[in-house]
Amino acid sequence: MTIDWMAFVIVFLAALVSAAVVVSLYSLGIRFLAIPARPVRQADGTFAPNGPSRDDENDDVDAVGRPRWATVSANICFGLSVCCVLVGIFLIIPGLHFW
């Protein structure tokens, strides 16, 4: 019995890269959801406070002030990570191969 080490290395690298891509897309989507709204400039040139000061108990990000591009980008990243996972499941389960 011989082990094809090159095939083993290829599968290992493919799994490593795939996991890194899925984790990176998901974390980038979370990062886009954490983008706050731009501060409002007052007439005297200073910026208005962006709500009450934050503490450890109230760290929820308000979805109202998030820019639309950040929400769209987050949804695209989440969708791409879901597509990567579904393609991986498709490749693993032989019953899903129709050809």
PDB file of N, CA and C in Angstrom:
ATOM      1  N   MET A   1       0.851  -1.176   0.000  1.00  0.00           N
ATOM      2  CA  MET A   1       0.000   0.000   0.000  1.00  0.00           C
ATOM      3  C   MET A   1       0.892   1.233   0.000  1.00  0.00           C
ATOM      4  N   THR A   2       0.675   2.088  -0.961  1.00  0.00           N
ATOM      5  CA  THR A   2       1.461   3.311  -1.030  1.00  0.00           C
ATOM      6  C   THR A   2       0.536   4.518  -0.875  1.00  0.00           C
ATOM      7  N   ILE A   3       1.082   5.532  -0.329  1.00  0.00           N
ATOM      8  CA  ILE A   3       0.337   6.771  -0.121  1.00  0.00           C
ATOM      9  C   ILE A   3       0.795   7.777  -1.163  1.00  0.00           C
ATOM     10  N   ASP A   4      -0.169   8.356  -1.854  1.00  0.00           N
ATOM     11  CA  ASP A   4       0.142   9.397  -2.828  1.00  0.00           C
ATOM     12  C   ASP A   4       0.265  10.723  -2.066  1.00  0.00           C
ATOM     13  N   TRP A   5       1.490  11.069  -1.687  1.00  0.00           N
ATOM     14  CA  TRP A   5       1.716  12.234  -0.839  1.00  0.00           C
ATOM     15  C   TRP A   5       1.406  13.538  -1.552  1.00  0.00           C
ATOM     16  N   MET A   6       1.594  13.571  -2.850  1.00  0.00           N
ATOM     17  CA  MET A   6       1.291  14.798  -3.589  1.00  0.00           C
ATOM     18  C   MET A   6      -0.212  15.081  -3.566  1.00  0.00           C
ATOM     19  N   ALA A   7      -1.016  14.031  -3.708  1.00  0.00           N
ATOM     20  CA  ALA A   7      -2.470  14.204  -3.627  1.00  0.00           C
ATOM     21  C   ALA A   7      -2.876  14.652  -2.227  1.00  0.00           C
ATOM     22  N   PHE A   8      -2.207  14.100  -1.215  1.00  0.00           N
ATOM     23  CA  PHE A   8      -2.480  14.502   0.160  1.00  0.00           C
ATOM     24  C   PHE A   8      -2.176  15.985   0.370  1.00  0.00           C
ATOM     25  N   VAL A   9      -1.046  16.442  -0.166  1.00  0.00           N
ATOM     26  CA  VAL A   9      -0.661  17.855  -0.025  1.00  0.00           C
ATOM     27  C   VAL A   9      -1.643  18.756  -0.766  1.00  0.00           C
ATOM     28  N   ILE A  10      -2.097  18.337  -1.939  1.00  0.00           N
ATOM     29  CA  ILE A  10      -3.052  19.132  -2.710  1.00  0.00           C
ATOM     30  C   ILE A  10      -4.371  19.267  -1.961  1.00  0.00           C
ATOM     31  N   VAL A  11      -4.869  18.172  -1.398  1.00  0.00           N
ATOM     32  CA  VAL A  11      -6.114  18.221  -0.635  1.00  0.00           C
ATOM     33  C   VAL A  11      -5.942  19.080   0.618  1.00  0.00           C
ATOM     34  N   PHE A  12      -4.809  18.957   1.283  1.00  0.00           N
ATOM     35  CA  PHE A  12      -4.556  19.759   2.478  1.00  0.00           C
ATOM     36  C   PHE A  12      -4.527  21.250   2.146  1.00  0.00           C
ATOM     37  N   LEU A  13      -3.820  21.620   1.078  1.00  0.00           N
ATOM     38  CA  LEU A  13      -3.737  23.030   0.698  1.00  0.00           C
ATOM     39  C   LEU A  13      -5.090  23.567   0.231  1.00  0.00           C
ATOM     40  N   ALA A  14      -5.849  22.756  -0.490  1.00  0.00           N
ATOM     41  CA  ALA A  14      -7.179  23.190  -0.931  1.00  0.00           C
ATOM     42  C   ALA A  14      -8.097  23.421   0.266  1.00  0.00           C
ATOM     43  N   ALA A  15      -8.038  22.544   1.254  1.00  0.00           N
ATOM     44  CA  ALA A  15      -8.859  22.722   2.450  1.00  0.00           C
ATOM     45  C   ALA A  15      -8.424  23.947   3.248  1.00  0.00           C
ATOM     46  N   LEU A  16      -7.124  24.170   3.344  1.00  0.00           N
ATOM     47  CA  LEU A  16      -6.603  25.318   4.071  1.00  0.00           C
ATOM     48  C   LEU A  16      -7.008  26.635   3.405  1.00  0.00           C
ATOM     49  N   VAL A  17      -6.862  26.707   2.092  1.00  0.00           N
ATOM     50  CA  VAL A  17      -7.232  27.923   1.361  1.00  0.00           C
ATOM     51  C   VAL A  17      -8.741  28.142   1.410  1.00  0.00           C
ATOM     52  N   SER A  18      -9.513  27.081   1.263  1.00  0.00           N
ATOM     53  CA  SER A  18     -10.973  27.209   1.307  1.00  0.00           C
ATOM     54  C   SER A  18     -11.439  27.705   2.661  1.00  0.00           C
ATOM     55  N   ALA A  19     -10.893  27.167   3.713  1.00  0.00           N
ATOM     56  CA  ALA A  19     -11.273  27.617   5.059  1.00  0.00           C
ATOM     57  C   ALA A  19     -10.882  29.073   5.276  1.00  0.00           C
ATOM     58  N   ALA A  20      -9.719  29.461   4.794  1.00  0.00           N
ATOM     59  CA  ALA A  20      -9.288  30.853   4.949  1.00  0.00           C
ATOM     60  C   ALA A  20     -10.194  31.801   4.174  1.00  0.00           C
ATOM     61  N   VAL A  21     -10.629  31.399   2.990  1.00  0.00           N
ATOM     62  CA  VAL A  21     -11.512  32.251   2.190  1.00  0.00           C
ATOM     63  C   VAL A  21     -12.866  32.415   2.864  1.00  0.00           C
ATOM     64  N   VAL A  22     -13.444  31.319   3.340  1.00  0.00           N
ATOM     65  CA  VAL A  22     -14.757  31.392   3.976  1.00  0.00           C
ATOM     66  C   VAL A  22     -14.694  32.233   5.252  1.00  0.00           C
ATOM     67  N   VAL A  23     -13.698  32.016   6.071  1.00  0.00           N
ATOM     68  CA  VAL A  23     -13.561  32.782   7.311  1.00  0.00           C
ATOM     69  C   VAL A  23     -13.299  34.256   7.012  1.00  0.00           C
ATOM     70  N   SER A  24     -12.492  34.534   6.011  1.00  0.00           N
ATOM     71  CA  SER A  24     -12.203  35.926   5.655  1.00  0.00           C
ATOM     72  C   SER A  24     -13.437  36.639   5.133  1.00  0.00           C
ATOM     73  N   LEU A  25     -14.216  35.991   4.280  1.00  0.00           N
ATOM     74  CA  LEU A  25     -15.437  36.610   3.776  1.00  0.00           C
ATOM     75  C   LEU A  25     -16.428  36.886   4.900  1.00  0.00           C
ATOM     76  N   TYR A  26     -16.588  35.926   5.799  1.00  0.00           N
ATOM     77  CA  TYR A  26     -17.538  36.100   6.901  1.00  0.00           C
ATOM     78  C   TYR A  26     -17.089  37.216   7.845  1.00  0.00           C
ATOM     79  N   SER A  27     -15.800  37.247   8.166  1.00  0.00           N
ATOM     80  CA  SER A  27     -15.317  38.288   9.082  1.00  0.00           C
ATOM     81  C   SER A  27     -15.350  39.659   8.420  1.00  0.00           C
ATOM     82  N   LEU A  28     -15.118  39.723   7.110  1.00  0.00           N
ATOM     83  CA  LEU A  28     -15.238  40.992   6.401  1.00  0.00           C
ATOM     84  C   LEU A  28     -16.684  41.476   6.401  1.00  0.00           C
ATOM     85  N   GLY A  29     -17.627  40.559   6.261  1.00  0.00           N
ATOM     86  CA  GLY A  29     -19.041  40.928   6.351  1.00  0.00           C
ATOM     87  C   GLY A  29     -19.399  41.478   7.723  1.00  0.00           C
ATOM     88  N   ILE A  30     -18.886  40.860   8.768  1.00  0.00           N
ATOM     89  CA  ILE A  30     -19.135  41.376  10.125  1.00  0.00           C
ATOM     90  C   ILE A  30     -18.494  42.743  10.294  1.00  0.00           C
ATOM     91  N   ARG A  31     -17.305  42.926   9.716  1.00  0.00           N
ATOM     92  CA  ARG A  31     -16.632  44.220   9.814  1.00  0.00           C
ATOM     93  C   ARG A  31     -17.430  45.308   9.102  1.00  0.00           C
ATOM     94  N   PHE A  32     -18.015  44.984   7.948  1.00  0.00           N
ATOM     95  CA  PHE A  32     -18.849  45.958   7.246  1.00  0.00           C
ATOM     96  C   PHE A  32     -20.087  46.318   8.065  1.00  0.00           C
ATOM     97  N   LEU A  33     -20.633  45.358   8.794  1.00  0.00           N
ATOM     98  CA  LEU A  33     -21.805  45.665   9.626  1.00  0.00           C
ATOM     99  C   LEU A  33     -21.457  46.548  10.816  1.00  0.00           C
ATOM    100  N   ALA A  34     -20.190  46.604  11.183  1.00  0.00           N
ATOM    101  CA  ALA A  34     -19.778  47.394  12.339  1.00  0.00           C
ATOM    102  C   ALA A  34     -19.380  48.823  11.970  1.00  0.00           C
ATOM    103  N   ILE A  35     -19.509  49.200  10.712  1.00  0.00           N
ATOM    104  CA  ILE A  35     -19.141  50.565  10.307  1.00  0.00           C
ATOM    105  C   ILE A  35     -20.192  51.531  10.827  1.00  0.00           C
ATOM    106  N   PRO A  36     -19.773  52.529  11.604  1.00  0.00           N
ATOM    107  CA  PRO A  36     -20.756  53.481  12.148  1.00  0.00           C
ATOM    108  C   PRO A  36     -21.100  54.557  11.121  1.00  0.00           C
ATOM    109  N   ALA A  37     -22.114  55.328  11.457  1.00  0.00           N
ATOM    110  CA  ALA A  37     -22.504  56.454  10.610  1.00  0.00           C
ATOM    111  C   ALA A  37     -21.471  57.562  10.712  1.00  0.00           C
ATOM    112  N   ARG A  38     -21.414  58.413   9.675  1.00  0.00           N
ATOM    113  CA  ARG A  38     -20.512  59.556   9.731  1.00  0.00           C
ATOM    114  C   ARG A  38     -21.008  60.546  10.761  1.00  0.00           C
ATOM    115  N   PRO A  39     -20.098  61.180  11.492  1.00  0.00           N
ATOM    116  CA  PRO A  39     -20.527  62.183  12.460  1.00  0.00           C
ATOM    117  C   PRO A  39     -21.050  63.430  11.752  1.00  0.00           C
ATOM    118  N   VAL A  40     -22.014  64.080  12.380  1.00  0.00           N
ATOM    119  CA  VAL A  40     -22.637  65.275  11.811  1.00  0.00           C
ATOM    120  C   VAL A  40     -21.828  66.492  12.233  1.00  0.00           C
ATOM    121  N   ARG A  41     -21.451  67.317  11.247  1.00  0.00           N
ATOM    122  CA  ARG A  41     -20.704  68.540  11.548  1.00  0.00           C
ATOM    123  C   ARG A  41     -21.688  69.645  11.900  1.00  0.00           C
ATOM    124  N   GLN A  42     -21.451  70.286  13.043  1.00  0.00           N
ATOM    125  CA  GLN A  42     -22.303  71.385  13.487  1.00  0.00           C
ATOM    126  C   GLN A  42     -21.862  72.682  12.831  1.00  0.00           C
ATOM    127  N   ALA A  43     -22.635  73.758  13.053  1.00  0.00           N
ATOM    128  CA  ALA A  43     -22.355  75.042  12.420  1.00  0.00           C
ATOM    129  C   ALA A  43     -21.013  75.628  12.865  1.00  0.00           C
ATOM    130  N   ASP A  44     -20.589  75.336  14.089  1.00  0.00           N
ATOM    131  CA  ASP A  44     -19.324  75.900  14.566  1.00  0.00           C
ATOM    132  C   ASP A  44     -18.107  75.069  14.151  1.00  0.00           C
ATOM    133  N   GLY A  45     -18.302  74.035  13.368  1.00  0.00           N
ATOM    134  CA  GLY A  45     -17.192  73.243  12.864  1.00  0.00           C
ATOM    135  C   GLY A  45     -16.886  71.998  13.678  1.00  0.00           C
ATOM    136  N   THR A  46     -17.492  71.857  14.832  1.00  0.00           N
ATOM    137  CA  THR A  46     -17.269  70.662  15.639  1.00  0.00           C
ATOM    138  C   THR A  46     -18.260  69.583  15.219  1.00  0.00           C
ATOM    139  N   PHE A  47     -17.984  68.388  15.647  1.00  0.00           N
ATOM    140  CA  PHE A  47     -18.873  67.282  15.326  1.00  0.00           C
ATOM    141  C   PHE A  47     -19.827  67.020  16.475  1.00  0.00           C
ATOM    142  N   ALA A  48     -21.075  66.718  16.125  1.00  0.00           N
ATOM    143  CA  ALA A  48     -22.087  66.416  17.131  1.00  0.00           C
ATOM    144  C   ALA A  48     -21.770  65.058  17.748  1.00  0.00           C
ATOM    145  N   PRO A  49     -22.046  64.884  19.028  1.00  0.00           N
ATOM    146  CA  PRO A  49     -21.827  63.568  19.627  1.00  0.00           C
ATOM    147  C   PRO A  49     -22.722  62.537  18.962  1.00  0.00           C
ATOM    148  N   ASN A  50     -22.194  61.364  18.799  1.00  0.00           N
ATOM    149  CA  ASN A  50     -22.891  60.284  18.108  1.00  0.00           C
ATOM    150  C   ASN A  50     -23.656  59.434  19.113  1.00  0.00           C
ATOM    151  N   GLY A  51     -24.602  60.019  19.789  1.00  0.00           N
ATOM    152  CA  GLY A  51     -25.393  59.297  20.766  1.00  0.00           C
ATOM    153  C   GLY A  51     -24.680  59.217  22.103  1.00  0.00           C
ATOM    154  N   PRO A  52     -25.223  58.451  23.017  1.00  0.00           N
ATOM    155  CA  PRO A  52     -24.592  58.325  24.340  1.00  0.00           C
ATOM    156  C   PRO A  52     -23.270  57.575  24.252  1.00  0.00           C
ATOM    157  N   SER A  53     -22.419  57.821  25.225  1.00  0.00           N
ATOM    158  CA  SER A  53     -21.138  57.122  25.226  1.00  0.00           C
ATOM    159  C   SER A  53     -21.378  55.626  25.413  1.00  0.00           C
ATOM    160  N   ARG A  54     -20.519  54.847  24.811  1.00  0.00           N
ATOM    161  CA  ARG A  54     -20.697  53.393  24.845  1.00  0.00           C
ATOM    162  C   ARG A  54     -20.007  52.806  26.058  1.00  0.00           C
ATOM    163  N   ASP A  55     -20.562  51.738  26.549  1.00  0.00           N
ATOM    164  CA  ASP A  55     -19.944  50.997  27.637  1.00  0.00           C
ATOM    165  C   ASP A  55     -19.984  49.514  27.289  1.00  0.00           C
ATOM    166  N   ASP A  56     -19.501  48.689  28.204  1.00  0.00           N
ATOM    167  CA  ASP A  56     -19.416  47.253  27.935  1.00  0.00           C
ATOM    168  C   ASP A  56     -20.774  46.583  27.836  1.00  0.00           C
ATOM    169  N   GLU A  57     -21.783  47.163  28.464  1.00  0.00           N
ATOM    170  CA  GLU A  57     -23.090  46.525  28.468  1.00  0.00           C
ATOM    171  C   GLU A  57     -23.934  46.912  27.262  1.00  0.00           C
ATOM    172  N   ASN A  58     -23.562  47.974  26.573  1.00  0.00           N
ATOM    173  CA  ASN A  58     -24.384  48.461  25.474  1.00  0.00           C
ATOM    174  C   ASN A  58     -23.524  48.586  24.223  1.00  0.00           C
ATOM    175  N   ASP A  59     -23.058  47.469  23.681  1.00  0.00           N
ATOM    176  CA  ASP A  59     -22.174  47.498  22.522  1.00  0.00           C
ATOM    177  C   ASP A  59     -22.872  47.081  21.238  1.00  0.00           C
ATOM    178  N   ASP A  60     -24.183  47.202  21.175  1.00  0.00           N
ATOM    179  CA  ASP A  60     -24.886  46.870  19.947  1.00  0.00           C
ATOM    180  C   ASP A  60     -24.674  47.976  18.924  1.00  0.00           C
ATOM    181  N   VAL A  61     -24.483  47.594  17.674  1.00  0.00           N
ATOM    182  CA  VAL A  61     -24.314  48.567  16.613  1.00  0.00           C
ATOM    183  C   VAL A  61     -25.684  48.909  16.066  1.00  0.00           C
ATOM    184  N   ASP A  62     -25.977  50.183  15.978  1.00  0.00           N
ATOM    185  CA  ASP A  62     -27.268  50.641  15.496  1.00  0.00           C
ATOM    186  C   ASP A  62     -27.310  50.526  13.975  1.00  0.00           C
ATOM    187  N   ALA A  63     -28.316  49.851  13.444  1.00  0.00           N
ATOM    188  CA  ALA A  63     -28.407  49.651  12.001  1.00  0.00           C
ATOM    189  C   ALA A  63     -28.930  50.879  11.275  1.00  0.00           C
ATOM    190  N   VAL A  64     -29.484  51.836  11.991  1.00  0.00           N
ATOM    191  CA  VAL A  64     -30.080  53.002  11.349  1.00  0.00           C
ATOM    192  C   VAL A  64     -29.015  53.888  10.719  1.00  0.00           C
ATOM    193  N   GLY A  65     -27.887  54.090  11.390  1.00  0.00           N
ATOM    194  CA  GLY A  65     -26.894  55.016  10.898  1.00  0.00           C
ATOM    195  C   GLY A  65     -25.865  54.405   9.974  1.00  0.00           C
ATOM    196  N   ARG A  66     -25.900  53.115   9.739  1.00  0.00           N
ATOM    197  CA  ARG A  66     -24.896  52.460   8.904  1.00  0.00           C
ATOM    198  C   ARG A  66     -25.099  52.874   7.454  1.00  0.00           C
ATOM    199  N   PRO A  67     -24.014  53.163   6.742  1.00  0.00           N
ATOM    200  CA  PRO A  67     -24.152  53.505   5.320  1.00  0.00           C
ATOM    201  C   PRO A  67     -24.701  52.325   4.510  1.00  0.00           C
ATOM    202  N   ARG A  68     -25.442  52.663   3.470  1.00  0.00           N
ATOM    203  CA  ARG A  68     -26.075  51.623   2.657  1.00  0.00           C
ATOM    204  C   ARG A  68     -25.028  50.734   1.977  1.00  0.00           C
ATOM    205  N   TRP A  69     -23.919  51.318   1.540  1.00  0.00           N
ATOM    206  CA  TRP A  69     -22.892  50.519   0.865  1.00  0.00           C
ATOM    207  C   TRP A  69     -22.300  49.478   1.798  1.00  0.00           C
ATOM    208  N   ALA A  70     -22.220  49.813   3.107  1.00  0.00           N
ATOM    209  CA  ALA A  70     -21.668  48.858   4.065  1.00  0.00           C
ATOM    210  C   ALA A  70     -22.623  47.672   4.261  1.00  0.00           C
ATOM    211  N   THR A  71     -23.914  47.961   4.301  1.00  0.00           N
ATOM    212  CA  THR A  71     -24.891  46.885   4.452  1.00  0.00           C
ATOM    213  C   THR A  71     -24.910  45.986   3.220  1.00  0.00           C
ATOM    214  N   VAL A  72     -24.856  46.602   2.038  1.00  0.00           N
ATOM    215  CA  VAL A  72     -24.843  45.810   0.804  1.00  0.00           C
ATOM    216  C   VAL A  72     -23.569  44.967   0.721  1.00  0.00           C
ATOM    217  N   SER A  73     -22.441  45.564   1.065  1.00  0.00           N
ATOM    218  CA  SER A  73     -21.173  44.822   1.036  1.00  0.00           C
ATOM    219  C   SER A  73     -21.184  43.664   2.026  1.00  0.00           C
ATOM    220  N   ALA A  74     -21.750  43.885   3.208  1.00  0.00           N
ATOM    221  CA  ALA A  74     -21.833  42.810   4.198  1.00  0.00           C
ATOM    222  C   ALA A  74     -22.690  41.666   3.681  1.00  0.00           C
ATOM    223  N   ASN A  75     -23.820  41.990   3.066  1.00  0.00           N
ATOM    224  CA  ASN A  75     -24.687  40.935   2.533  1.00  0.00           C
ATOM    225  C   ASN A  75     -24.017  40.188   1.386  1.00  0.00           C
ATOM    226  N   ILE A  76     -23.252  40.893   0.561  1.00  0.00           N
ATOM    227  CA  ILE A  76     -22.510  40.217  -0.521  1.00  0.00           C
ATOM    228  C   ILE A  76     -21.476  39.259   0.067  1.00  0.00           C
ATOM    229  N   CYS A  77     -20.749  39.708   1.092  1.00  0.00           N
ATOM    230  CA  CYS A  77     -19.740  38.839   1.719  1.00  0.00           C
ATOM    231  C   CYS A  77     -20.388  37.613   2.358  1.00  0.00           C
ATOM    232  N   PHE A  78     -21.515  37.806   3.036  1.00  0.00           N
ATOM    233  CA  PHE A  78     -22.211  36.669   3.638  1.00  0.00           C
ATOM    234  C   PHE A  78     -22.720  35.715   2.557  1.00  0.00           C
ATOM    235  N   GLY A  79     -23.247  36.262   1.468  1.00  0.00           N
ATOM    236  CA  GLY A  79     -23.733  35.421   0.374  1.00  0.00           C
ATOM    237  C   GLY A  79     -22.618  34.615  -0.267  1.00  0.00           C
ATOM    238  N   LEU A  80     -21.459  35.253  -0.480  1.00  0.00           N
ATOM    239  CA  LEU A  80     -20.326  34.530  -1.056  1.00  0.00           C
ATOM    240  C   LEU A  80     -19.817  33.435  -0.130  1.00  0.00           C
ATOM    241  N   SER A  81     -19.819  33.696   1.177  1.00  0.00           N
ATOM    242  CA  SER A  81     -19.370  32.647   2.100  1.00  0.00           C
ATOM    243  C   SER A  81     -20.358  31.480   2.117  1.00  0.00           C
ATOM    244  N   VAL A  82     -21.643  31.772   2.007  1.00  0.00           N
ATOM    245  CA  VAL A  82     -22.639  30.692   1.934  1.00  0.00           C
ATOM    246  C   VAL A  82     -22.457  29.899   0.640  1.00  0.00           C
ATOM    247  N   CYS A  83     -22.186  30.589  -0.464  1.00  0.00           N
ATOM    248  CA  CYS A  83     -21.943  29.885  -1.734  1.00  0.00           C
ATOM    249  C   CYS A  83     -20.719  28.977  -1.652  1.00  0.00           C
ATOM    250  N   CYS A  84     -19.664  29.451  -1.000  1.00  0.00           N
ATOM    251  CA  CYS A  84     -18.462  28.624  -0.837  1.00  0.00           C
ATOM    252  C   CYS A  84     -18.765  27.367  -0.029  1.00  0.00           C
ATOM    253  N   VAL A  85     -19.534  27.523   1.027  1.00  0.00           N
ATOM    254  CA  VAL A  85     -19.891  26.372   1.855  1.00  0.00           C
ATOM    255  C   VAL A  85     -20.747  25.390   1.064  1.00  0.00           C
ATOM    256  N   LEU A  86     -21.716  25.901   0.295  1.00  0.00           N
ATOM    257  CA  LEU A  86     -22.579  25.011  -0.484  1.00  0.00           C
ATOM    258  C   LEU A  86     -21.793  24.273  -1.576  1.00  0.00           C
ATOM    259  N   VAL A  87     -20.849  24.944  -2.213  1.00  0.00           N
ATOM    260  CA  VAL A  87     -20.015  24.270  -3.210  1.00  0.00           C
ATOM    261  C   VAL A  87     -19.168  23.186  -2.535  1.00  0.00           C
ATOM    262  N   GLY A  88     -18.647  23.462  -1.346  1.00  0.00           N
ATOM    263  CA  GLY A  88     -17.879  22.459  -0.614  1.00  0.00           C
ATOM    264  C   GLY A  88     -18.722  21.245  -0.264  1.00  0.00           C
ATOM    265  N   ILE A  89     -19.954  21.485   0.168  1.00  0.00           N
ATOM    266  CA  ILE A  89     -20.854  20.367   0.480  1.00  0.00           C
ATOM    267  C   ILE A  89     -21.159  19.579  -0.786  1.00  0.00           C
ATOM    268  N   PHE A  90     -21.377  20.300  -1.888  1.00  0.00           N
ATOM    269  CA  PHE A  90     -21.644  19.630  -3.165  1.00  0.00           C
ATOM    270  C   PHE A  90     -20.473  18.745  -3.584  1.00  0.00           C
ATOM    271  N   LEU A  91     -19.251  19.225  -3.383  1.00  0.00           N
ATOM    272  CA  LEU A  91     -18.082  18.437  -3.778  1.00  0.00           C
ATOM    273  C   LEU A  91     -17.839  17.240  -2.860  1.00  0.00           C
ATOM    274  N   ILE A  92     -18.253  17.345  -1.606  1.00  0.00           N
ATOM    275  CA  ILE A  92     -18.013  16.261  -0.656  1.00  0.00           C
ATOM    276  C   ILE A  92     -19.019  15.128  -0.818  1.00  0.00           C
ATOM    277  N   ILE A  93     -20.292  15.446  -1.067  1.00  0.00           N
ATOM    278  CA  ILE A  93     -21.346  14.437  -1.116  1.00  0.00           C
ATOM    279  C   ILE A  93     -21.481  13.915  -2.543  1.00  0.00           C
ATOM    280  N   PRO A  94     -21.124  12.640  -2.787  1.00  0.00           N
ATOM    281  CA  PRO A  94     -21.179  12.116  -4.158  1.00  0.00           C
ATOM    282  C   PRO A  94     -22.602  11.962  -4.687  1.00  0.00           C
ATOM    283  N   GLY A  95     -23.588  11.862  -3.837  1.00  0.00           N
ATOM    284  CA  GLY A  95     -24.964  11.714  -4.296  1.00  0.00           C
ATOM    285  C   GLY A  95     -25.499  12.947  -4.983  1.00  0.00           C
ATOM    286  N   LEU A  96     -24.842  14.072  -4.821  1.00  0.00           N
ATOM    287  CA  LEU A  96     -25.280  15.299  -5.452  1.00  0.00           C
ATOM    288  C   LEU A  96     -24.707  15.489  -6.860  1.00  0.00           C
ATOM    289  N   HIS A  97     -23.771  14.636  -7.241  1.00  0.00           N
ATOM    290  CA  HIS A  97     -23.162  14.746  -8.571  1.00  0.00           C
ATOM    291  C   HIS A  97     -24.065  14.080  -9.580  1.00  0.00           C
ATOM    292  N   PHE A  98     -24.520  14.865 -10.535  1.00  0.00           N
ATOM    293  CA  PHE A  98     -25.496  14.351 -11.508  1.00  0.00           C
ATOM    294  C   PHE A  98     -24.869  13.926 -12.814  1.00  0.00           C
ATOM    295  N   TRP A  99     -23.578  14.009 -12.971  1.00  0.00           N
ATOM    296  CA  TRP A  99     -22.955  13.640 -14.237  1.00  0.00           C
ATOM    297  C   TRP A  99     -22.068  12.456 -14.103  1.00  0.00           C
TER     298      TRP A  99
END
